[in-house]
C-alpha cells in the first residue's frame, strides 16, 4: 500500500508546481492597490493633524497681536511656518482670520484650509486633491491693550 501512494503524491506535487507563482501574479496588483489606499489614508490623516495644530498656533499668534491687521498677518505667517516645519506640502493653503471680536475679552478665530494632492496615487480612482480644514479660536486677554 505504501508503494502505491508514493507515486501519486509525487504526481500531485508535480501538478501543483508553479501554483504559488500564479497566485502571486494574481494577488500582487491587489496588494499594490491596498498599499496605495493605505498611503492615501495616511496622507489625509497626517495632514488633518498638522492642519489642526497649525490652526491652533495661528489663532494663538493672532490673539497676541495688538492690531487686527497685524493679527491677520501673524496668523497667516504662523500657519505657513507651522505647516512648513512639519513638512506638509499643500497644493493650496488658505488662512482666514476673523477679527470681528478683536477686543479685550473677545476672541479671534482662524480657519486653515490645506489642499492635499492625491493625484500621484494612480489606479485608485480617488479625487486629484482633497481639502482638509480646521478652525481654532483663541481668547484675547482681558487685561491687554488692543487698538
C-alpha atoms as a PDB file:
ATOM      1  CA  UNK A   1       0.000   0.000   0.000  1.00  0.00           C
ATOM      2  CA  UNK A   2       2.670   2.473   0.783  1.00  0.00           C
ATOM      3  CA  UNK A   3       4.321   1.792  -2.548  1.00  0.00           C
ATOM      4  CA  UNK A   4       1.187   2.772  -4.469  1.00  0.00           C
ATOM      5  CA  UNK A   5       0.698   6.060  -2.561  1.00  0.00           C
ATOM      6  CA  UNK A   6       4.176   7.433  -3.130  1.00  0.00           C
ATOM      7  CA  UNK A   7       3.913   7.859  -6.917  1.00  0.00           C
ATOM      8  CA  UNK A   8       0.510   9.522  -6.515  1.00  0.00           C
ATOM      9  CA  UNK A   9       1.923  12.074  -4.035  1.00  0.00           C
ATOM     10  CA  UNK A  10       4.761  12.844  -6.381  1.00  0.00           C
ATOM     11  CA  UNK A  11       2.305  13.286  -9.233  1.00  0.00           C
ATOM     12  CA  UNK A  12       0.213  15.693  -7.124  1.00  0.00           C
ATOM     13  CA  UNK A  13       3.311  17.689  -6.234  1.00  0.00           C
ATOM     14  CA  UNK A  14       4.226  17.956  -9.906  1.00  0.00           C
ATOM     15  CA  UNK A  15       0.686  19.106 -10.768  1.00  0.00           C
ATOM     16  CA  UNK A  16       0.919  21.930  -8.201  1.00  0.00           C
ATOM     17  CA  UNK A  17       4.309  23.143  -9.430  1.00  0.00           C
ATOM     18  CA  UNK A  18       4.046  26.859 -10.308  1.00  0.00           C
ATOM     19  CA  UNK A  19       0.773  27.454  -8.474  1.00  0.00           C
ATOM     20  CA  UNK A  20       2.440  29.768  -5.964  1.00  0.00           C
ATOM     21  CA  UNK A  21       3.818  31.886  -8.780  1.00  0.00           C
ATOM     22  CA  UNK A  22       0.394  32.085 -10.424  1.00  0.00           C
ATOM     23  CA  UNK A  23      -1.248  33.116  -7.136  1.00  0.00           C
ATOM     24  CA  UNK A  24       1.420  35.735  -6.581  1.00  0.00           C
ATOM     25  CA  UNK A  25       0.885  37.177 -10.059  1.00  0.00           C
ATOM     26  CA  UNK A  26      -2.848  37.437  -9.403  1.00  0.00           C
ATOM     27  CA  UNK A  27      -2.567  38.938  -5.905  1.00  0.00           C
ATOM     28  CA  UNK A  28       0.258  41.434  -6.466  1.00  0.00           C
ATOM     29  CA  UNK A  29      -1.879  44.126  -8.176  1.00  0.00           C
ATOM     30  CA  UNK A  30      -4.471  43.891  -5.414  1.00  0.00           C
ATOM     31  CA  UNK A  31      -1.799  44.223  -2.746  1.00  0.00           C
ATOM     32  CA  UNK A  32      -0.344  47.255  -4.507  1.00  0.00           C
ATOM     33  CA  UNK A  33      -3.773  48.918  -4.682  1.00  0.00           C
ATOM     34  CA  UNK A  34      -4.317  48.199  -0.998  1.00  0.00           C
ATOM     35  CA  UNK A  35      -0.929  49.727  -0.186  1.00  0.00           C
ATOM     36  CA  UNK A  36      -1.736  52.859  -2.228  1.00  0.00           C
ATOM     37  CA  UNK A  37      -5.067  53.184  -0.409  1.00  0.00           C
ATOM     38  CA  UNK A  38      -3.300  52.981   2.960  1.00  0.00           C
ATOM     39  CA  UNK A  39      -0.836  55.656   1.798  1.00  0.00           C
ATOM     40  CA  UNK A  40      -3.737  57.931   0.774  1.00  0.00           C
ATOM     41  CA  UNK A  41      -5.464  57.489   4.137  1.00  0.00           C
ATOM     42  CA  UNK A  42      -2.200  58.131   5.971  1.00  0.00           C
ATOM     43  CA  UNK A  43      -1.554  61.238   3.932  1.00  0.00           C
ATOM     44  CA  UNK A  44      -5.020  62.632   4.689  1.00  0.00           C
ATOM     45  CA  UNK A  45      -4.979  61.814   8.403  1.00  0.00           C
ATOM     46  CA  UNK A  46      -1.470  63.219   8.829  1.00  0.00           C
ATOM     47  CA  UNK A  47      -2.461  66.413   7.035  1.00  0.00           C
ATOM     48  CA  UNK A  48      -5.560  66.737   9.217  1.00  0.00           C
ATOM     49  CA  UNK A  49      -3.467  66.507  12.399  1.00  0.00           C
ATOM     50  CA  UNK A  50      -0.936  69.028  11.137  1.00  0.00           C
ATOM     51  CA  UNK A  51      -3.637  71.461   9.971  1.00  0.00           C
ATOM     52  CA  UNK A  52      -5.304  71.235  13.405  1.00  0.00           C
ATOM     53  CA  UNK A  53      -2.017  72.151  15.052  1.00  0.00           C
ATOM     54  CA  UNK A  54      -1.309  74.948  12.577  1.00  0.00           C
ATOM     55  CA  UNK A  55      -4.758  76.466  13.160  1.00  0.00           C
ATOM     56  CA  UNK A  56      -4.249  76.420  16.921  1.00  0.00           C
ATOM     57  CA  UNK A  57      -0.817  78.037  16.613  1.00  0.00           C
ATOM     58  CA  UNK A  58      -2.137  80.653  14.189  1.00  0.00           C
ATOM     59  CA  UNK A  59      -5.051  81.541  16.476  1.00  0.00           C
ATOM     60  CA  UNK A  60      -2.700  81.940  19.413  1.00  0.00           C
ATOM     61  CA  UNK A  61      -0.365  84.148  17.385  1.00  0.00           C
ATOM     62  CA  UNK A  62      -3.300  86.284  16.228  1.00  0.00           C
ATOM     63  CA  UNK A  63      -4.561  86.706  19.787  1.00  0.00           C
ATOM     64  CA  UNK A  64      -1.220  88.171  20.847  1.00  0.00           C
ATOM     65  CA  UNK A  65      -1.250  90.892  18.166  1.00  0.00           C
ATOM     66  CA  UNK A  66      -2.242  94.440  19.076  1.00  0.00           C
ATOM     67  CA  UNK A  67      -3.972  95.374  15.820  1.00  0.00           C
ATOM     68  CA  UNK A  68      -6.465  93.395  13.707  1.00  0.00           C
ATOM     69  CA  UNK A  69      -4.370  93.806  10.537  1.00  0.00           C
ATOM     70  CA  UNK A  70      -1.315  92.537  12.386  1.00  0.00           C
ATOM     71  CA  UNK A  71      -3.351  89.616  13.705  1.00  0.00           C
ATOM     72  CA  UNK A  72      -4.291  88.597  10.162  1.00  0.00           C
ATOM     73  CA  UNK A  73      -0.677  88.778   9.005  1.00  0.00           C
ATOM     74  CA  UNK A  74       0.657  86.909  12.049  1.00  0.00           C
ATOM     75  CA  UNK A  75      -1.938  84.153  11.654  1.00  0.00           C
ATOM     76  CA  UNK A  76      -1.027  83.585   8.005  1.00  0.00           C
ATOM     77  CA  UNK A  77       2.692  83.648   8.724  1.00  0.00           C
ATOM     78  CA  UNK A  78       2.387  81.284  11.697  1.00  0.00           C
ATOM     79  CA  UNK A  79       0.204  78.777   9.842  1.00  0.00           C
ATOM     80  CA  UNK A  80       2.577  78.723   6.866  1.00  0.00           C
ATOM     81  CA  UNK A  81       5.595  78.288   9.131  1.00  0.00           C
ATOM     82  CA  UNK A  82       3.917  75.562  11.210  1.00  0.00           C
ATOM     83  CA  UNK A  83       2.983  73.502   8.163  1.00  0.00           C
ATOM     84  CA  UNK A  84       6.388  74.089   6.591  1.00  0.00           C
ATOM     85  CA  UNK A  85       8.250  72.938   9.688  1.00  0.00           C
ATOM     86  CA  UNK A  86       6.142  69.752   9.755  1.00  0.00           C
ATOM     87  CA  UNK A  87       6.962  69.130   6.060  1.00  0.00           C
ATOM     88  CA  UNK A  88       3.320  69.302   4.980  1.00  0.00           C
ATOM     89  CA  UNK A  89       3.075  70.367   1.363  1.00  0.00           C
ATOM     90  CA  UNK A  90      -0.243  71.927   0.474  1.00  0.00           C
ATOM     91  CA  UNK A  91      -1.209  72.393  -3.146  1.00  0.00           C
ATOM     92  CA  UNK A  92      -3.163  75.400  -1.917  1.00  0.00           C
ATOM     93  CA  UNK A  93      -3.079  76.929   1.562  1.00  0.00           C
ATOM     94  CA  UNK A  94      -5.772  79.340   2.739  1.00  0.00           C
ATOM     95  CA  UNK A  95      -5.690  81.092   6.107  1.00  0.00           C
ATOM     96  CA  UNK A  96      -8.819  83.050   7.052  1.00  0.00           C
ATOM     97  CA  UNK A  97      -8.799  85.170  10.189  1.00  0.00           C
ATOM     98  CA  UNK A  98     -11.986  86.513  11.780  1.00  0.00           C
ATOM     99  CA  UNK A  99     -11.212  89.626  13.830  1.00  0.00           C
ATOM    100  CA  UNK A 100     -14.833  90.766  14.335  1.00  0.00           C
ATOM    101  CA  UNK A 101     -14.497  90.380  18.134  1.00  0.00           C
ATOM    102  CA  UNK A 102     -10.953  91.721  18.343  1.00  0.00           C
ATOM    103  CA  UNK A 103     -11.178  93.460  21.718  1.00  0.00           C
ATOM    104  CA  UNK A 104     -10.020  92.688  25.253  1.00  0.00           C
ATOM    105  CA  UNK A 105     -12.039  89.696  26.414  1.00  0.00           C
ATOM    106  CA  UNK A 106     -13.070  88.954  22.833  1.00  0.00           C
ATOM    107  CA  UNK A 107     -11.718  86.276  20.570  1.00  0.00           C
ATOM    108  CA  UNK A 108     -10.064  85.720  17.247  1.00  0.00           C
ATOM    109  CA  UNK A 109     -10.889  82.750  15.016  1.00  0.00           C
ATOM    110  CA  UNK A 110      -8.560  81.284  12.408  1.00  0.00           C
ATOM    111  CA  UNK A 111      -9.529  78.781   9.740  1.00  0.00           C
ATOM    112  CA  UNK A 112      -6.725  76.947   7.929  1.00  0.00           C
ATOM    113  CA  UNK A 113      -7.550  75.039   4.741  1.00  0.00           C
ATOM    114  CA  UNK A 114      -4.931  72.853   3.076  1.00  0.00           C
ATOM    115  CA  UNK A 115      -5.469  71.099  -0.249  1.00  0.00           C
ATOM    116  CA  UNK A 116      -3.666  67.740  -0.170  1.00  0.00           C
ATOM    117  CA  UNK A 117      -2.639  66.313  -3.538  1.00  0.00           C
ATOM    118  CA  UNK A 118      -3.612  62.693  -4.201  1.00  0.00           C
ATOM    119  CA  UNK A 119      -3.096  62.675  -7.965  1.00  0.00           C
ATOM    120  CA  UNK A 120       0.223  60.825  -7.705  1.00  0.00           C
ATOM    121  CA  UNK A 121      -1.573  57.765  -6.282  1.00  0.00           C
ATOM    122  CA  UNK A 122      -2.755  56.349  -9.588  1.00  0.00           C
ATOM    123  CA  UNK A 123      -5.140  53.454 -10.035  1.00  0.00           C
ATOM    124  CA  UNK A 124      -7.401  54.171  -7.075  1.00  0.00           C
ATOM    125  CA  UNK A 125      -9.977  56.453  -8.682  1.00  0.00           C
ATOM    126  CA  UNK A 126      -9.515  58.950  -5.862  1.00  0.00           C
ATOM    127  CA  UNK A 127     -10.043  62.665  -6.399  1.00  0.00           C
ATOM    128  CA  UNK A 128      -6.934  64.531  -7.552  1.00  0.00           C
ATOM    129  CA  UNK A 129      -6.918  66.516  -4.313  1.00  0.00           C
ATOM    130  CA  UNK A 130      -8.768  66.731  -1.033  1.00  0.00           C
ATOM    131  CA  UNK A 131      -9.213  69.809   1.154  1.00  0.00           C
ATOM    132  CA  UNK A 132      -8.534  69.500   4.859  1.00  0.00           C
ATOM    133  CA  UNK A 133      -9.799  72.329   7.033  1.00  0.00           C
ATOM    134  CA  UNK A 134      -9.562  73.216  10.703  1.00  0.00           C
ATOM    135  CA  UNK A 135     -10.812  76.125  12.796  1.00  0.00           C
ATOM    136  CA  UNK A 136      -9.350  77.335  16.069  1.00  0.00           C
ATOM    137  CA  UNK A 137     -10.446  80.138  18.377  1.00  0.00           C
ATOM    138  CA  UNK A 138      -8.222  81.946  20.866  1.00  0.00           C
ATOM    139  CA  UNK A 139      -9.397  84.346  23.548  1.00  0.00           C
ATOM    140  CA  UNK A 140      -7.811  87.775  23.774  1.00  0.00           C
ATOM    141  CA  UNK A 141      -6.612  88.613  27.265  1.00  0.00           C
ATOM    142  CA  UNK A 142      -8.955  90.996  29.105  1.00  0.00           C
ATOM    143  CA  UNK A 143      -6.097  92.987  30.623  1.00  0.00           C
ATOM    144  CA  UNK A 144      -4.237  93.712  27.442  1.00  0.00           C
ATOM    145  CA  UNK A 145      -4.435  96.904  25.448  1.00  0.00           C
ATOM    146  CA  UNK A 146      -5.807  96.406  21.965  1.00  0.00           C
ATOM    147  CA  UNK A 147      -6.194  99.230  19.474  1.00  0.00           C
END
